[in-house]
Amino acid sequence: MPELIRPSTVLPANRRAFTLRTIDGLNLIGEVSSPLGQVVASLLCLHPNPAGGGMMDSHIYKKAANRLPELAGIEIIRFNTRGTKSEAGQSEGQYDEGNSEKFDVQAALNYCFDELKIEKLWVTGWSFGTDLALKYARDPRVIGLILLSPPLKYSDPEELIFWARDGRPITALIPEHDDYLKPEQAAKAFSVIPQIKLINVEGAKHLWVGEPMVHRVLTEIVGLLAPQRLPLPTLI
């Protein structure tokens, strides 16, 4: 008999730990969750602010890793930025308010392309991670960005102008009740990027709490990376 997909549901995948070495000499921990079959696309996840408890296991990313390899053929790459701790352990270094994290993102991108040999890589950021994506995920091999609850706290106008001129696709999910950047503010702030797709999510908050919100976020991700695998099931 089919069972409801729950927050604790873990579906089959090839899961393996890895260590990144940054250019300034730090070791960062991470995990790749790959489909047992064909990889349709890959997604590098940049987590929320560790000063507020963000990490590679922040619930949207953990659930993406637990579900999307099996449900959508999407490979999920997660890691802890410097000084960040999760169940798998703690990355070396100290949190640097989005500055030295540049080297963390660079190391992760190099790992994706040089070690994993990824051909179709998207980058998603959540909250603080959206600033890291906008600032540092400029590698021309990246297909596009997915921004979850962008606060635009650590970014500056130069980052937005870069992406406007670059032209690669960006999708941003804006919670109706976000604590930092609500839909009306987001529309104004991102108006300089003509190709951005802003998705205002009614009833949502910054942390996307609750299974309906998780399903919505994962559905939007799959719609971009593997639309042929929609709709995502709620039963297994």
Protein backbone atom coordinates (compact mmCIF):
# COMPACT_ATOMS: atom_id res chain seq x y z
CA MET A 1 0.00 0.00 0.00
CA PRO A 2 1.38 3.50 -0.88
CA GLU A 3 2.73 5.57 2.01
CA LEU A 4 2.63 9.33 2.45
CA ILE A 5 5.94 11.13 1.93
CA ARG A 6 6.81 12.54 5.34
CA PRO A 7 9.54 14.91 6.61
CA SER A 8 11.57 11.85 7.66
CA THR A 9 11.22 10.01 4.33
CA VAL A 10 14.55 8.93 2.83
CA LEU A 11 14.41 7.46 -0.68
CA PRO A 12 17.14 5.42 -2.41
CA ALA A 13 20.24 7.24 -3.64
CA ASN A 14 23.98 6.86 -3.82
CA ARG A 15 25.14 9.02 -0.91
CA ARG A 16 28.82 9.71 -0.29
CA ALA A 17 30.75 12.18 1.83
CA PHE A 18 33.45 14.43 0.43
CA THR A 19 35.94 17.03 1.65
CA LEU A 20 36.66 20.31 -0.10
CA ARG A 21 40.00 22.07 0.20
CA THR A 22 39.77 25.84 -0.16
CA ILE A 23 42.45 28.00 -1.71
CA ASP A 24 43.15 29.47 1.75
CA GLY A 25 43.76 26.03 3.22
CA LEU A 26 40.54 24.96 4.93
CA ASN A 27 38.81 21.59 4.80
CA LEU A 28 35.05 21.74 4.32
CA ILE A 29 32.73 18.75 4.65
CA GLY A 30 29.94 17.83 2.28
CA GLU A 31 27.80 15.10 0.76
CA VAL A 32 26.70 14.14 -2.74
CA SER A 33 23.36 12.38 -3.20
CA SER A 34 23.15 10.89 -6.69
CA PRO A 35 20.38 8.97 -8.46
CA LEU A 36 20.85 5.24 -8.72
CA GLY A 37 19.98 5.63 -12.39
CA GLN A 38 20.58 8.39 -14.90
CA VAL A 39 21.51 11.87 -13.64
CA VAL A 40 19.23 14.39 -15.34
CA ALA A 41 20.79 17.48 -13.73
CA SER A 42 22.81 18.48 -10.67
CA LEU A 43 22.18 21.10 -8.01
CA LEU A 44 24.77 22.72 -5.75
CA CYS A 45 23.14 23.99 -2.53
CA LEU A 46 24.37 27.06 -0.63
CA HIS A 47 22.85 27.03 2.84
CA PRO A 48 21.34 29.71 5.11
CA ASN A 49 23.41 31.77 7.51
CA PRO A 50 25.30 29.59 10.03
CA ALA A 51 25.09 32.44 12.54
CA GLY A 52 21.36 31.66 12.64
CA GLY A 53 21.68 27.88 12.54
CA GLY A 54 21.97 27.42 8.77
CA MET A 55 23.93 24.39 7.49
CA MET A 56 23.97 21.77 4.77
CA ASP A 57 21.22 19.89 6.64
CA SER A 58 18.84 22.88 6.71
CA HIS A 59 15.54 21.16 6.09
CA ILE A 60 14.78 22.07 2.46
CA TYR A 61 18.22 20.89 1.35
CA LYS A 62 18.13 17.75 3.49
CA LYS A 63 14.75 16.82 2.04
CA ALA A 64 15.94 17.59 -1.47
CA ALA A 65 18.84 15.19 -0.94
CA ASN A 66 16.51 12.59 0.55
CA ARG A 67 13.95 12.74 -2.26
CA LEU A 68 15.01 14.30 -5.54
CA PRO A 69 17.61 11.77 -6.69
CA GLU A 70 14.92 9.08 -6.71
CA LEU A 71 11.89 11.18 -7.66
CA ALA A 72 13.46 13.41 -10.31
CA GLY A 73 16.91 12.10 -11.24
CA ILE A 74 18.52 15.20 -9.73
CA GLU A 75 21.91 14.98 -8.04
CA ILE A 76 22.16 17.11 -4.88
CA ILE A 77 25.51 18.49 -3.68
CA ARG A 78 25.54 20.01 -0.19
CA PHE A 79 28.40 21.27 1.96
CA ASN A 80 29.07 23.29 5.10
CA THR A 81 30.72 26.64 4.56
CA ARG A 82 33.61 27.59 6.83
CA GLY A 83 32.94 27.20 10.54
CA THR A 84 29.56 25.56 9.93
CA LYS A 85 28.51 22.42 11.80
CA SER A 86 25.99 19.72 10.98
CA GLU A 87 25.39 16.10 11.92
CA ALA A 88 28.19 15.02 9.58
CA GLY A 89 30.73 17.26 11.33
CA GLN A 90 32.15 20.76 11.22
CA SER A 91 33.99 22.55 8.44
CA GLU A 92 37.23 24.26 9.41
CA GLY A 93 37.58 28.00 9.75
CA GLN A 94 35.25 30.70 10.97
CA TYR A 95 32.14 32.34 9.60
CA ASP A 96 33.11 35.52 7.73
CA GLU A 97 29.80 37.24 6.90
CA GLY A 98 29.98 36.25 3.24
CA ASN A 99 33.52 37.45 2.55
CA SER A 100 35.96 34.55 2.77
CA GLU A 101 33.05 32.26 1.88
CA LYS A 102 34.03 33.21 -1.66
CA PHE A 103 36.73 30.55 -1.43
CA ASP A 104 34.20 27.99 -0.19
CA VAL A 105 31.93 28.51 -3.18
CA GLN A 106 34.88 28.39 -5.55
CA ALA A 107 36.06 25.11 -4.02
CA ALA A 108 32.59 23.62 -4.32
CA LEU A 109 32.25 24.66 -7.96
CA ASN A 110 35.68 23.23 -8.76
CA TYR A 111 34.71 19.97 -7.10
CA CYS A 112 31.50 19.78 -9.11
CA PHE A 113 33.19 20.36 -12.44
CA ASP A 114 36.64 18.84 -11.93
CA GLU A 115 35.90 15.86 -9.69
CA LEU A 116 32.25 15.02 -10.35
CA LYS A 117 32.52 16.03 -14.03
CA ILE A 118 29.08 17.60 -13.92
CA GLU A 119 27.77 18.88 -17.24
CA LYS A 120 24.46 20.43 -16.16
CA LEU A 121 24.95 22.30 -12.89
CA TRP A 122 22.50 24.69 -11.32
CA VAL A 123 23.24 26.58 -8.10
CA THR A 124 20.62 27.27 -5.46
CA GLY A 125 20.98 29.53 -2.48
CA TRP A 126 18.67 29.89 0.48
CA SER A 127 18.69 33.15 2.46
CA PHE A 128 22.39 33.89 3.15
CA GLY A 129 23.15 31.32 0.47
CA THR A 130 21.41 33.49 -2.14
CA ASP A 131 23.92 36.24 -1.48
CA LEU A 132 26.76 33.75 -1.91
CA ALA A 133 25.23 32.59 -5.19
CA LEU A 134 24.79 36.11 -6.55
CA LYS A 135 28.30 37.13 -5.50
CA TYR A 136 30.37 34.06 -6.26
CA ALA A 137 28.60 31.55 -8.53
CA ARG A 138 29.67 33.34 -11.70
CA ASP A 139 31.49 30.38 -13.24
CA PRO A 140 30.35 30.36 -16.89
CA ARG A 141 29.65 26.62 -16.71
CA VAL A 142 26.81 27.19 -14.22
CA ILE A 143 23.50 27.02 -16.08
CA GLY A 144 21.52 29.28 -13.76
CA LEU A 145 20.52 30.23 -10.22
CA ILE A 146 17.60 29.39 -7.96
CA LEU A 147 17.15 31.80 -5.06
CA LEU A 148 15.05 30.84 -2.02
CA SER A 149 14.04 33.71 0.30
CA PRO A 150 16.71 36.16 -0.91
CA PRO A 151 17.36 38.87 1.70
CA LEU A 152 19.88 40.82 -0.44
CA LYS A 153 21.73 41.54 2.79
CA TYR A 154 25.29 40.80 1.71
CA SER A 155 24.91 41.50 -2.00
CA ASP A 156 25.33 44.89 -3.59
CA PRO A 157 24.00 46.43 -6.83
CA GLU A 158 27.12 45.35 -8.72
CA GLU A 159 26.14 41.70 -8.29
CA LEU A 160 22.69 42.33 -9.71
CA ILE A 161 24.11 44.28 -12.65
CA PHE A 162 26.49 41.41 -13.42
CA TRP A 163 23.62 38.93 -13.71
CA ALA A 164 21.52 41.38 -15.72
CA ARG A 165 24.30 41.66 -18.29
CA ASP A 166 25.14 37.96 -18.09
CA GLY A 167 21.66 36.85 -19.11
CA ARG A 168 21.62 33.41 -17.54
CA PRO A 169 18.28 32.31 -16.03
CA ILE A 170 17.50 33.15 -12.42
CA THR A 171 14.39 32.08 -10.55
CA ALA A 172 13.62 33.52 -7.12
CA LEU A 173 10.98 32.19 -4.73
CA ILE A 174 9.72 35.03 -2.56
CA PRO A 175 7.64 34.16 0.52
CA GLU A 176 4.58 36.32 1.08
CA HIS A 177 5.51 36.74 4.76
CA ASP A 178 9.29 36.87 4.44
CA ASP A 179 11.12 38.49 7.34
CA TYR A 180 13.62 40.29 5.11
CA LEU A 181 12.38 40.85 1.53
CA LYS A 182 8.67 40.65 0.79
CA PRO A 183 7.28 40.35 -2.76
CA GLU A 184 6.76 44.07 -3.38
CA GLN A 185 10.29 44.86 -2.18
CA ALA A 186 11.74 41.98 -4.20
CA ALA A 187 10.05 43.18 -7.38
CA LYS A 188 11.67 46.58 -6.97
CA ALA A 189 15.11 45.28 -5.94
CA PHE A 190 15.36 42.73 -8.75
CA SER A 191 13.87 44.96 -11.46
CA VAL A 192 17.37 45.54 -12.85
CA ILE A 193 17.58 41.87 -13.93
CA PRO A 194 15.29 41.54 -16.96
CA GLN A 195 15.46 37.75 -17.18
CA ILE A 196 14.70 36.97 -13.54
CA LYS A 197 11.52 35.04 -12.79
CA LEU A 198 10.01 36.05 -9.46
CA ILE A 199 7.61 33.53 -7.93
CA ASN A 200 5.61 34.97 -5.05
CA VAL A 201 4.47 32.15 -2.77
CA GLU A 202 1.27 32.86 -0.89
CA GLY A 203 1.32 31.97 2.80
CA ALA A 204 5.03 31.17 2.83
CA LYS A 205 7.58 32.37 5.37
CA HIS A 206 11.35 32.73 5.18
CA LEU A 207 12.08 29.21 6.44
CA TRP A 208 9.51 27.34 4.29
CA VAL A 209 8.19 25.41 7.28
CA GLY A 210 5.64 22.65 6.68
CA GLU A 211 5.36 19.84 4.16
CA PRO A 212 3.15 21.83 1.71
CA MET A 213 5.88 24.47 1.46
CA VAL A 214 8.61 21.86 1.05
CA HIS A 215 6.63 20.25 -1.76
CA ARG A 216 6.17 23.65 -3.42
CA VAL A 217 9.88 24.48 -3.32
CA LEU A 218 10.94 21.05 -4.57
CA THR A 219 8.33 21.24 -7.32
CA GLU A 220 9.72 24.57 -8.53
CA ILE A 221 13.25 23.14 -8.53
CA VAL A 222 12.19 20.08 -10.50
CA GLY A 223 10.21 22.27 -12.88
CA LEU A 224 13.46 23.99 -13.85
CA LEU A 225 15.88 21.06 -13.81
CA ALA A 226 13.74 18.07 -14.78
CA PRO A 227 10.25 19.23 -15.84
CA GLN A 228 9.50 15.85 -17.39
CA ARG A 229 9.48 14.38 -13.87
CA LEU A 230 6.55 16.51 -12.70
CA PRO A 231 4.25 16.28 -10.88
CA LEU A 232 6.17 15.20 -7.81
CA PRO A 233 4.31 12.47 -5.97
CA THR A 234 3.13 12.84 -2.41
CA LEU A 235 2.87 9.05 -2.01
CA ILE A 236 5.48 6.34 -2.51
